Amino acid sequence: MGKEMRGWPWRNLLGLSVALNVGLLLKLVIERGGYWGGENLNGICHFEKQRSEVVVIGSPEKAYLSTGGGGGGPVVSAAAGGGDDRVINLDQGDPTMYEKFWRQAGDKATIVIPGWQAVSYFSDPNNVCWFLEPQLEKEILRVHRIIGNAVTDDRYVVVGTGSTQLFQAALYALSPQDGTGPISVVSATPYYSFHRQVIDYIKSGLYSWAGDAESFSDEGPYIEIVTSPNNPDGVMRQSMVNRSGGMLIHDFAYYWPQYTPITHAADHDLMLFTASKSSGHAGMRVGWALVKDKGVAKRMAKFIELSSIGVSKDSQLRAAKILQVVSDRSGYASGLNLFEFSRNQMAQRWERLKRAVEDSGLFSLPEFPSEFCNYSKRSFKSQPAFAWLKCEGEIEDCESFLREKKILTRGGKHFGMSPKYVRISMLDRDDTFHLFVKRLSTM
């Protein structure tokens, strides 16, 4: 037998191998009705190529598969434990809800960056923010003009690695530089927990956390953070310190028409925005500030220069392309309007959450007035990115109560409020959100 095999011509062996592989492939196609997960034969080849590039991403609580190739390859959700009994993590505001829209967009927001591009540190040496890509600046100003949520005339644009870095840059730029001691930083309760965490963690000699803005009465200059719509409760905010002498940082991360009616163009000295909540691209880590004073803008750019020598050009170029797609299709007749898509998603989710809260009888939610949106030309109630849920009755620690039900949230104490409150992200994937409201309604 062995001698007979050794005597076979190599061409015969090659032909036999090809025939076996073709046979197996045809059997696979026939059994699957000619498709692999919804793709044709070309899709099989594409899938096999991508499978070699798959990287597992995520935390133990939630992981997913991300392919190395573009073009909307498969992403498979997976949660620890799986099934309806799994842990639901809604502590973070991870905007994975937007994946559905950008899948539908296909390759419209895809860019190719040649190896020679974006080699230099500098984008525009003559700009106050010398590391800001001109195309990104153009698209930032364009989207604000279209939506009408911010005044952009006579403003300097400063780009940062998310609004987190810009927040730190703003604190640095507004703080006294003469060494007279740390300036007080305040924000009205419930305040965004991360603002306080950043200040306490850095322990800067330039500024220090001084608590609730509404009860602040210390003499001297101060910095007030005004988050509007507010994180965590979604309320539109104004300055709360009842005296002059303060400097304001306006955080408008959520002042977009999917979350709240755009009633006016915000016009303040220092305004922060971020791609993570406008387009849903948190992983891109791009934010921007609109700054009226040139000196403040220069100091913010200096802080970013010293902390990270600018902002990734790759991220900026991608952000510019995404904002371009958003603006190109922002007309209400468009079939691929990001703000219309996400506004409908938020409306449906808030309706389901309200029904679940009513069914349970254990919780309550804030009420919002209906207002006219200048962008969409319709009236609707705010539908924030976070739900500010209150446990009623004898439940004193809402975070612990929900944790026992395998729902992870962020308790009110982190926002300067009672532990009867929790903040819940409304931006997770559909399967996670649907499971959450189902579990809530049966409590």
Protein backbone atom coordinates (compact mmCIF):
# COMPACT_ATOMS: atom_id res chain seq x y z
CA MET A 1 0.00 0.00 0.00
CA GLY A 2 2.75 2.43 1.00
CA LYS A 3 4.67 1.68 -2.22
CA GLU A 4 1.53 2.27 -4.26
CA MET A 5 0.99 5.66 -2.63
CA ARG A 6 4.60 6.67 -3.13
CA GLY A 7 4.19 5.85 -6.77
CA TRP A 8 1.32 8.23 -7.31
CA PRO A 9 2.21 11.29 -9.36
CA TRP A 10 2.08 14.47 -7.28
CA ARG A 11 -0.42 15.95 -9.74
CA ASN A 12 -2.92 13.20 -8.84
CA LEU A 13 -2.57 13.99 -5.14
CA LEU A 14 -3.08 17.70 -5.79
CA GLY A 15 -6.18 16.98 -7.88
CA LEU A 16 -7.62 14.75 -5.17
CA SER A 17 -7.04 17.44 -2.52
CA VAL A 18 -8.75 20.11 -4.62
CA ALA A 19 -11.72 17.82 -5.31
CA LEU A 20 -12.19 17.05 -1.61
CA ASN A 21 -12.07 20.74 -0.64
CA VAL A 22 -14.51 21.76 -3.39
CA GLY A 23 -16.86 18.98 -2.31
CA LEU A 24 -16.79 20.07 1.31
CA LEU A 25 -17.38 23.71 0.31
CA LEU A 26 -20.37 22.79 -1.88
CA LYS A 27 -21.81 20.65 0.92
CA LEU A 28 -21.50 23.61 3.30
CA VAL A 29 -23.20 25.97 0.83
CA ILE A 30 -26.06 23.54 0.18
CA GLU A 31 -26.66 22.92 3.89
CA ARG A 32 -26.74 26.68 4.59
CA GLY A 33 -28.93 27.50 1.64
CA GLY A 34 -26.10 29.19 -0.24
CA TYR A 35 -25.32 31.66 2.57
CA TRP A 36 -23.00 32.02 5.52
CA GLY A 37 -24.66 34.15 8.16
CA GLY A 38 -26.53 36.10 5.48
CA GLU A 39 -23.55 36.47 3.10
CA ASN A 40 -23.03 34.85 -0.32
CA LEU A 41 -19.91 32.95 -1.45
CA ASN A 42 -17.93 36.18 -1.64
CA GLY A 43 -18.97 36.75 1.95
CA ILE A 44 -17.50 33.40 2.95
CA CYS A 45 -14.10 34.41 1.62
CA HIS A 46 -14.42 37.82 3.30
CA PHE A 47 -15.46 36.23 6.58
CA GLU A 48 -12.58 33.74 6.51
CA LYS A 49 -10.13 36.62 5.94
CA GLN A 50 -11.62 38.60 8.79
CA ARG A 51 -11.68 35.65 11.15
CA SER A 52 -7.89 35.65 11.21
CA GLU A 53 -7.94 39.31 12.28
CA VAL A 54 -10.47 39.06 15.12
CA VAL A 55 -9.48 40.66 18.40
CA VAL A 56 -11.46 40.12 21.61
CA ILE A 57 -12.30 43.44 23.24
CA GLY A 58 -14.08 44.27 26.46
CA SER A 59 -14.31 43.73 30.17
CA PRO A 60 -15.26 40.56 32.07
CA GLU A 61 -18.79 41.98 32.38
CA LYS A 62 -19.19 42.61 28.64
CA ALA A 63 -17.03 41.59 25.71
CA TYR A 64 -17.42 41.63 21.96
CA LEU A 65 -15.46 40.65 18.93
CA SER A 66 -14.00 43.31 16.68
CA THR A 67 -12.57 42.52 13.27
CA GLY A 68 -9.46 44.18 11.99
CA GLY A 69 -10.98 44.95 8.59
CA GLY A 70 -13.41 47.73 7.70
CA GLY A 71 -16.67 47.56 5.83
CA GLY A 72 -18.95 46.57 8.67
CA GLY A 73 -17.64 43.11 9.48
CA PRO A 74 -19.37 40.95 12.06
CA VAL A 75 -19.37 42.01 15.69
CA VAL A 76 -20.68 39.40 18.11
CA SER A 77 -22.04 40.49 21.47
CA ALA A 78 -21.34 38.35 24.51
CA ALA A 79 -22.03 38.96 28.16
CA ALA A 80 -20.69 37.22 31.24
CA GLY A 81 -22.95 34.30 32.09
CA GLY A 82 -25.23 34.89 29.10
CA GLY A 83 -28.98 34.47 29.10
CA ASP A 84 -31.68 36.46 30.86
CA ASP A 85 -29.99 35.95 34.23
CA ARG A 86 -26.78 37.76 33.31
CA VAL A 87 -25.39 40.86 35.03
CA ILE A 88 -26.55 44.08 33.35
CA ASN A 89 -23.96 46.83 33.62
CA LEU A 90 -25.53 50.28 33.11
CA ASP A 91 -23.07 52.17 35.31
CA GLN A 92 -21.07 53.61 32.41
CA GLY A 93 -22.49 55.74 29.60
CA ASP A 94 -21.00 53.59 26.85
CA PRO A 95 -22.93 54.68 23.71
CA THR A 96 -23.09 51.30 21.94
CA MET A 97 -26.69 52.05 20.92
CA TYR A 98 -25.21 53.96 17.97
CA GLU A 99 -23.60 50.87 16.44
CA LYS A 100 -26.89 50.09 14.68
CA PHE A 101 -26.93 53.43 12.86
CA TRP A 102 -23.31 53.29 11.75
CA ARG A 103 -23.78 49.73 10.47
CA GLN A 104 -26.61 51.01 8.31
CA ALA A 105 -24.32 53.79 7.11
CA GLY A 106 -21.93 51.15 5.75
CA ASP A 107 -18.70 52.57 4.39
CA LYS A 108 -19.96 56.15 4.11
CA ALA A 109 -17.89 57.13 7.15
CA THR A 110 -14.89 54.97 6.28
CA ILE A 111 -11.55 56.65 5.65
CA VAL A 112 -8.18 55.39 4.47
CA ILE A 113 -5.10 57.09 5.95
CA PRO A 114 -1.93 56.56 3.85
CA GLY A 115 1.26 55.76 5.70
CA TRP A 116 2.81 59.11 4.82
CA GLN A 117 -0.10 61.19 6.12
CA ALA A 118 -0.23 62.80 9.59
CA VAL A 119 3.47 62.24 10.28
CA SER A 120 4.16 65.71 11.71
CA TYR A 121 3.21 66.93 15.18
CA PHE A 122 1.83 70.10 13.59
CA SER A 123 -1.46 70.64 11.80
CA ASP A 124 -1.51 74.43 11.45
CA PRO A 125 1.37 76.28 13.18
CA ASN A 126 -0.48 79.59 12.73
CA ASN A 127 -3.53 78.42 14.65
CA VAL A 128 -3.87 79.05 18.41
CA CYS A 129 -4.56 75.31 18.63
CA TRP A 130 -1.67 74.28 16.38
CA PHE A 131 -2.48 70.55 16.54
CA LEU A 132 -6.10 70.99 15.35
CA GLU A 133 -6.67 69.45 11.91
CA PRO A 134 -8.21 72.09 9.60
CA GLN A 135 -10.79 69.64 8.22
CA LEU A 136 -12.00 68.81 11.72
CA GLU A 137 -12.32 72.48 12.60
CA LYS A 138 -14.36 73.03 9.43
CA GLU A 139 -16.75 70.14 10.23
CA ILE A 140 -17.15 71.16 13.88
CA LEU A 141 -18.24 74.66 12.91
CA ARG A 142 -20.48 73.27 10.18
CA VAL A 143 -22.40 70.83 12.39
CA HIS A 144 -23.04 73.51 15.02
CA ARG A 145 -24.39 75.87 12.38
CA ILE A 146 -26.72 73.16 11.05
CA ILE A 147 -28.03 72.04 14.44
CA GLY A 148 -28.09 75.56 15.91
CA ASN A 149 -26.97 74.46 19.38
CA ALA A 150 -23.98 76.82 19.78
CA VAL A 151 -22.72 80.19 18.61
CA THR A 152 -19.49 79.70 16.68
CA ASP A 153 -18.74 83.22 15.43
CA ASP A 154 -15.62 84.80 16.92
CA ARG A 155 -14.71 81.60 18.75
CA TYR A 156 -11.47 79.63 18.94
CA VAL A 157 -11.74 75.86 18.55
CA VAL A 158 -9.55 73.76 20.84
CA VAL A 159 -9.49 70.00 20.28
CA GLY A 160 -8.79 67.52 23.06
CA THR A 161 -8.62 63.82 23.80
CA GLY A 162 -12.29 63.71 24.74
CA SER A 163 -13.98 66.38 26.82
CA THR A 164 -12.20 64.94 29.87
CA GLN A 165 -8.86 66.39 28.81
CA LEU A 166 -10.54 69.62 27.76
CA PHE A 167 -12.14 69.91 31.19
CA GLN A 168 -8.71 69.68 32.81
CA ALA A 169 -7.32 72.15 30.28
CA ALA A 170 -10.15 74.59 31.07
CA LEU A 171 -9.47 74.35 34.82
CA TYR A 172 -5.79 75.05 34.17
CA ALA A 173 -6.54 77.98 31.86
CA LEU A 174 -9.01 79.66 34.23
CA SER A 175 -7.04 79.19 37.44
CA PRO A 176 -4.90 82.07 38.78
CA GLN A 177 -1.30 81.74 37.61
CA ASP A 178 0.19 83.91 40.39
CA GLY A 179 0.39 81.20 43.05
CA THR A 180 -2.19 82.80 45.36
CA GLY A 181 -3.63 79.40 46.25
CA PRO A 182 -6.15 77.00 44.75
CA ILE A 183 -9.34 78.48 43.31
CA SER A 184 -12.64 76.91 44.37
CA VAL A 185 -14.47 74.75 41.83
CA VAL A 186 -18.21 74.18 42.35
CA SER A 187 -21.16 72.59 40.60
CA ALA A 188 -24.81 72.33 41.60
CA THR A 189 -26.03 68.98 42.90
CA PRO A 190 -26.62 66.54 41.46
CA TYR A 191 -23.28 67.19 39.75
CA TYR A 192 -21.46 64.99 37.26
CA SER A 193 -19.50 62.59 39.44
CA PHE A 194 -16.47 62.46 37.14
CA HIS A 195 -15.82 66.20 37.46
CA ARG A 196 -15.27 65.84 41.19
CA GLN A 197 -13.30 62.61 40.75
CA VAL A 198 -10.85 64.26 38.35
CA ILE A 199 -10.27 67.23 40.65
CA ASP A 200 -9.80 65.06 43.75
CA TYR A 201 -7.50 62.66 41.91
CA ILE A 202 -5.18 65.27 40.41
CA LYS A 203 -4.83 67.24 43.68
CA SER A 204 -3.67 70.32 41.79
CA GLY A 205 -2.32 73.32 43.63
CA LEU A 206 -4.23 75.55 41.19
CA TYR A 207 -7.80 74.47 42.02
CA SER A 208 -9.78 72.38 44.51
CA TRP A 209 -13.29 70.99 44.80
CA ALA A 210 -15.59 73.17 46.93
CA GLY A 211 -18.92 71.34 46.59
CA ASP A 212 -22.43 72.44 45.73
CA ALA A 213 -22.69 75.67 43.73
CA GLU A 214 -26.08 76.60 45.16
CA SER A 215 -24.81 76.70 48.75
CA PHE A 216 -21.35 78.10 47.94
CA SER A 217 -20.72 81.36 49.83
CA ASP A 218 -16.93 81.73 50.06
CA GLU A 219 -15.39 85.07 49.12
CA GLY A 220 -13.03 85.45 46.19
CA PRO A 221 -12.95 84.09 42.65
CA TYR A 222 -14.35 80.68 41.76
CA ILE A 223 -14.98 78.37 38.80
CA GLU A 224 -18.49 76.99 38.32
CA ILE A 225 -19.19 73.96 36.13
CA VAL A 226 -22.57 74.14 34.42
CA THR A 227 -23.53 70.85 32.77
CA SER A 228 -26.57 71.29 30.55
CA PRO A 229 -28.46 69.06 29.99
CA ASN A 230 -27.24 67.90 33.35
CA ASN A 231 -25.56 64.58 33.96
CA PRO A 232 -27.14 62.69 35.80
CA ASP A 233 -30.73 64.05 35.82
CA GLY A 234 -31.10 65.57 32.32
CA VAL A 235 -32.27 68.99 33.54
CA MET A 236 -31.29 72.12 31.58
CA ARG A 237 -28.98 74.14 33.83
CA GLN A 238 -27.83 77.71 34.41
CA SER A 239 -25.28 79.18 36.78
CA MET A 240 -26.38 78.72 40.41
CA VAL A 241 -23.84 80.77 42.39
CA ASN A 242 -25.65 83.90 43.54
CA ARG A 243 -22.87 86.45 43.10
CA SER A 244 -20.39 87.79 40.58
CA GLY A 245 -16.66 87.12 40.36
CA GLY A 246 -16.89 83.65 38.96
CA MET A 247 -15.73 81.99 35.75
CA LEU A 248 -17.94 79.42 34.05
CA ILE A 249 -17.27 76.17 32.20
CA HIS A 250 -20.33 75.06 30.26
CA ASP A 251 -20.37 71.33 29.53
CA PHE A 252 -22.76 70.76 26.59
CA ALA A 253 -21.95 67.09 25.93
CA TYR A 254 -25.67 66.27 25.73
CA TYR A 255 -27.02 69.43 24.09
CA TRP A 256 -27.93 67.61 20.88
CA PRO A 257 -31.41 67.10 19.37
CA GLN A 258 -31.65 63.37 20.15
CA TYR A 259 -31.59 64.13 23.88
CA THR A 260 -33.33 67.47 24.30
CA PRO A 261 -35.08 70.13 22.21
CA ILE A 262 -32.62 72.70 20.82
CA THR A 263 -34.33 75.88 22.00
CA HIS A 264 -31.47 78.31 21.41
CA ALA A 265 -27.84 78.57 20.33
CA ALA A 266 -25.69 78.43 23.47
CA ASP A 267 -23.54 81.55 23.76
CA HIS A 268 -20.97 81.33 26.57
CA ASP A 269 -17.29 82.05 27.09
CA LEU A 270 -16.14 78.41 27.29
CA MET A 271 -18.26 75.53 25.98
CA LEU A 272 -17.30 71.84 25.87
CA PHE A 273 -18.57 69.23 23.40
CA THR A 274 -17.66 65.62 22.65
CA ALA A 275 -18.01 63.09 19.84
CA SER A 276 -18.88 60.33 22.30
CA LYS A 277 -22.43 61.57 22.87
CA SER A 278 -23.07 63.49 19.65
CA SER A 279 -22.21 60.76 17.12
CA GLY A 280 -21.71 57.88 19.56
CA HIS A 281 -17.97 57.44 18.91
CA ALA A 282 -16.67 57.25 22.49
CA GLY A 283 -13.69 55.13 21.48
CA MET A 284 -12.45 57.80 19.09
CA ARG A 285 -11.61 60.03 22.08
CA VAL A 286 -12.22 63.41 20.44
CA GLY A 287 -13.80 66.44 22.05
CA TRP A 288 -13.70 70.15 21.36
CA ALA A 289 -14.11 73.47 23.10
CA LEU A 290 -15.52 76.71 21.70
CA VAL A 291 -13.64 79.49 23.50
CA LYS A 292 -14.30 83.22 23.26
CA ASP A 293 -11.09 84.56 24.85
CA LYS A 294 -7.85 84.04 22.90
CA GLY A 295 -5.71 83.97 26.04
CA VAL A 296 -7.84 81.20 27.58
CA ALA A 297 -7.73 79.22 24.33
CA LYS A 298 -3.93 79.54 24.21
CA ARG A 299 -3.57 78.31 27.80
CA MET A 300 -5.87 75.36 27.10
CA ALA A 301 -3.80 74.45 24.03
CA LYS A 302 -0.65 74.75 26.14
CA PHE A 303 -2.04 72.33 28.73
CA ILE A 304 -2.81 69.77 26.01
CA GLU A 305 0.64 70.33 24.50
CA LEU A 306 2.32 69.62 27.84
CA SER A 307 0.12 66.64 28.75
CA SER A 308 -0.04 64.79 25.40
CA ILE A 309 1.74 66.93 22.76
CA GLY A 310 -1.51 67.42 20.89
CA VAL A 311 -4.31 65.04 19.90
CA SER A 312 -4.10 61.99 17.63
CA LYS A 313 -4.37 63.09 14.01
CA ASP A 314 -5.82 59.72 13.05
CA SER A 315 -8.68 60.27 15.47
CA GLN A 316 -9.17 63.84 14.25
CA LEU A 317 -9.33 62.79 10.61
CA ARG A 318 -11.85 60.08 11.45
CA ALA A 319 -13.91 62.53 13.50
CA ALA A 320 -13.91 65.00 10.60
CA LYS A 321 -15.23 62.32 8.24
CA ILE A 322 -17.93 61.24 10.68
CA LEU A 323 -19.11 64.80 11.28
CA GLN A 324 -19.11 65.36 7.53
CA VAL A 325 -21.43 62.37 7.04
CA VAL A 326 -23.66 63.59 9.89
CA SER A 327 -23.92 67.08 8.40
CA ASP A 328 -24.37 65.89 4.82
CA ARG A 329 -27.40 63.87 5.89
CA SER A 330 -28.79 66.18 8.54
CA GLY A 331 -31.74 67.38 6.43
CA TYR A 332 -34.99 65.99 7.75
CA ALA A 333 -35.86 64.50 4.35
CA SER A 334 -32.73 62.36 4.56
CA GLY A 335 -33.15 58.63 5.01
CA LEU A 336 -29.94 58.39 7.03
CA ASN A 337 -30.24 61.16 9.60
CA LEU A 338 -28.24 60.40 12.75
CA PHE A 339 -30.25 62.76 14.95
CA GLU A 340 -33.62 61.50 13.74
CA PHE A 341 -32.52 57.88 14.20
CA SER A 342 -31.18 58.42 17.70
CA ARG A 343 -34.10 60.67 18.73
CA ASN A 344 -36.52 57.88 17.79
CA GLN A 345 -34.38 55.34 19.64
CA MET A 346 -34.35 57.47 22.78
CA ALA A 347 -38.10 58.13 22.57
CA GLN A 348 -38.86 54.41 22.34
CA ARG A 349 -36.51 53.58 25.20
CA TRP A 350 -37.92 56.23 27.50
CA GLU A 351 -41.46 55.06 26.76
CA ARG A 352 -40.53 51.49 27.64
CA LEU A 353 -38.71 52.57 30.80
CA LYS A 354 -41.67 54.63 31.99
CA ARG A 355 -44.00 51.66 31.51
CA ALA A 356 -41.60 49.38 33.41
CA VAL A 357 -41.41 51.88 36.30
CA GLU A 358 -45.22 52.06 36.44
CA ASP A 359 -45.51 48.27 36.38
CA SER A 360 -43.05 47.82 39.25
CA GLY A 361 -44.48 50.47 41.58
CA LEU A 362 -41.10 50.73 43.32
CA PHE A 363 -39.50 53.61 41.43
CA SER A 364 -40.07 57.10 40.07
CA LEU A 365 -38.56 59.22 37.27
CA PRO A 366 -38.29 62.99 36.74
CA GLU A 367 -40.79 64.76 34.49
CA PHE A 368 -39.73 67.07 31.66
CA PRO A 369 -41.71 69.79 29.89
CA SER A 370 -42.43 69.61 26.18
CA GLU A 371 -40.53 72.28 24.22
CA PHE A 372 -40.14 73.27 20.59
CA CYS A 373 -36.90 72.17 18.91
CA ASN A 374 -35.54 74.68 16.42
CA TYR A 375 -33.67 71.95 14.57
CA SER A 376 -36.38 69.33 14.11
CA LYS A 377 -39.24 71.86 14.01
CA ARG A 378 -41.30 69.78 16.43
CA SER A 379 -42.11 69.76 20.14
CA PHE A 380 -41.06 66.94 22.43
CA LYS A 381 -39.93 66.23 25.98
CA SER A 382 -36.30 65.74 26.92
CA GLN A 383 -35.17 62.12 26.74
CA PRO A 384 -31.76 62.17 28.45
CA ALA A 385 -28.88 59.79 27.91
CA PHE A 386 -29.20 58.79 31.58
CA ALA A 387 -32.25 57.97 33.69
CA TRP A 388 -32.22 59.48 37.18
CA LEU A 389 -34.17 56.75 38.96
CA LYS A 390 -35.42 57.03 42.53
CA CYS A 391 -36.29 54.08 44.74
CA GLU A 392 -39.47 54.86 46.62
CA GLY A 393 -40.75 53.56 49.95
CA GLU A 394 -38.45 51.72 52.34
CA ILE A 395 -35.60 51.17 49.87
CA GLU A 396 -32.84 53.44 51.17
CA ASP A 397 -29.91 52.31 49.02
CA CYS A 398 -31.12 51.99 45.44
CA GLU A 399 -27.73 51.03 44.03
CA SER A 400 -27.41 48.07 46.42
CA PHE A 401 -31.02 47.05 45.83
CA LEU A 402 -30.54 46.88 42.07
CA ARG A 403 -27.17 45.17 42.43
CA GLU A 404 -28.95 42.32 44.20
CA LYS A 405 -31.07 42.05 41.05
CA LYS A 406 -27.87 41.90 38.93
CA ILE A 407 -28.26 45.45 37.63
CA LEU A 408 -25.18 47.67 38.06
CA THR A 409 -25.82 51.41 38.34
CA ARG A 410 -24.16 54.48 39.87
CA GLY A 411 -25.62 55.57 43.21
CA GLY A 412 -26.75 59.07 44.15
CA LYS A 413 -23.94 59.56 46.68
CA HIS A 414 -21.47 59.89 43.78
CA PHE A 415 -23.43 62.92 42.56
CA GLY A 416 -23.80 64.61 45.97
CA MET A 417 -27.33 63.24 46.45
CA SER A 418 -29.26 60.69 48.49
CA PRO A 419 -28.51 56.97 47.99
CA LYS A 420 -32.17 56.56 47.12
CA TYR A 421 -31.20 57.73 43.61
CA VAL A 422 -29.25 55.95 40.89
CA ARG A 423 -28.06 56.95 37.44
CA ILE A 424 -28.78 54.45 34.67
CA SER A 425 -27.32 54.57 31.16
CA MET A 426 -29.91 54.62 28.37
CA LEU A 427 -27.32 54.13 25.61
CA ASP A 428 -26.43 50.44 25.73
CA ARG A 429 -27.19 47.92 22.98
CA ASP A 430 -30.79 46.89 22.35
CA ASP A 431 -30.55 43.42 23.90
CA THR A 432 -29.11 44.78 27.14
CA PHE A 433 -31.65 47.60 27.41
CA HIS A 434 -34.62 45.33 26.65
CA LEU A 435 -33.48 42.85 29.29
CA PHE A 436 -33.09 45.70 31.79
CA VAL A 437 -36.65 47.04 31.39
CA LYS A 438 -38.03 43.50 31.43
CA ARG A 439 -36.28 42.77 34.72
CA LEU A 440 -37.28 46.16 36.20
CA SER A 441 -40.97 45.69 35.36
CA THR A 442 -41.18 42.37 37.23
CA MET A 443 -39.73 43.62 40.54
